[in-house]
Amino acid sequence: MKGKHYYHYRAIDSNRNTLDMWLRNHRDIVSTKAFMKRIIRVYGQPSSIVTDNYASSLKVIKELKAKRILD
């Protein structure tokens, strides 16, 4: 947007409706964790998670599972 590059985080439901999305300047663990924790808090446990296998996404999922925030 306006010549700047942003990273797009998006949560969708089983009917492909967008539940929430964020645009961020950085694609890192802090952004990923904040987005995932907010989605879980607002919508509950997801039935599945689909990622592009980016390292920060995988690390956050593993960490949230270890802390029992994510099933």
Protein backbone atom coordinates (compact mmCIF):
# COMPACT_ATOMS: atom_id res chain seq x y z
CA MET A 1 0.00 0.00 0.00
CA LYS A 2 1.35 3.35 -1.04
CA GLY A 3 4.62 1.75 -2.15
CA LYS A 4 5.31 0.01 1.17
CA HIS A 5 5.61 -3.74 1.70
CA TYR A 6 3.49 -5.35 4.41
CA TYR A 7 3.01 -8.89 5.66
CA HIS A 8 -0.54 -10.20 5.70
CA TYR A 9 -1.80 -12.38 8.55
CA ARG A 10 -5.26 -13.83 8.01
CA ALA A 11 -7.61 -16.15 9.87
CA ILE A 12 -10.44 -17.84 7.98
CA ASP A 13 -13.19 -20.20 9.04
CA SER A 14 -14.16 -23.52 7.47
CA ASN A 15 -16.42 -21.70 4.99
CA ARG A 16 -13.49 -19.52 3.84
CA ASN A 17 -14.93 -16.42 5.48
CA THR A 18 -12.27 -14.04 6.78
CA LEU A 19 -12.46 -13.81 10.57
CA ASP A 20 -9.61 -11.37 11.02
CA MET A 21 -6.52 -10.04 9.29
CA TRP A 22 -3.52 -7.91 10.15
CA LEU A 23 -1.03 -6.06 8.04
CA ARG A 24 2.39 -5.82 9.66
CA ASN A 25 5.68 -4.18 8.78
CA HIS A 26 7.62 -7.21 10.02
CA ARG A 27 7.16 -10.93 9.69
CA ASP A 28 8.57 -12.15 12.96
CA ILE A 29 7.81 -14.15 16.08
CA VAL A 30 6.34 -11.18 17.97
CA SER A 31 3.81 -10.39 15.23
CA THR A 32 2.91 -14.03 14.64
CA LYS A 33 2.44 -14.76 18.34
CA ALA A 34 0.31 -11.66 18.95
CA PHE A 35 -1.96 -12.50 16.02
CA MET A 36 -2.37 -16.17 16.94
CA LYS A 37 -3.01 -15.46 20.62
CA ARG A 38 -5.64 -12.87 19.74
CA ILE A 39 -7.39 -15.22 17.31
CA ILE A 40 -7.48 -18.00 19.92
CA ARG A 41 -8.76 -15.59 22.59
CA VAL A 42 -11.53 -14.21 20.36
CA TYR A 43 -12.57 -17.33 18.39
CA GLY A 44 -11.35 -20.25 20.51
CA GLN A 45 -9.23 -23.20 19.48
CA PRO A 46 -8.86 -23.68 15.73
CA SER A 47 -9.75 -27.03 14.19
CA SER A 48 -6.69 -26.71 11.95
CA ILE A 49 -3.86 -24.31 11.18
CA VAL A 50 -2.47 -23.83 7.69
CA THR A 51 0.79 -21.94 7.24
CA ASP A 52 3.39 -21.45 4.55
CA ASN A 53 5.90 -23.20 6.86
CA TYR A 54 7.75 -19.97 7.60
CA ALA A 55 10.08 -20.56 10.55
CA SER A 56 8.52 -17.99 12.89
CA SER A 57 5.04 -19.44 12.35
CA LEU A 58 6.20 -22.96 13.13
CA LYS A 59 8.12 -21.79 16.20
CA VAL A 60 5.10 -19.91 17.57
CA ILE A 61 2.80 -22.91 17.05
CA LYS A 62 5.26 -25.16 18.87
CA GLU A 63 5.61 -22.64 21.72
CA LEU A 64 1.85 -22.15 22.11
CA LYS A 65 1.36 -25.92 22.22
CA ALA A 66 4.06 -26.28 24.87
CA LYS A 67 2.34 -23.60 26.99
CA ARG A 68 -1.02 -25.36 26.40
CA ILE A 69 -2.51 -22.23 24.86
CA LEU A 70 -3.00 -24.17 21.63
CA ASP A 71 -4.23 -27.78 21.50
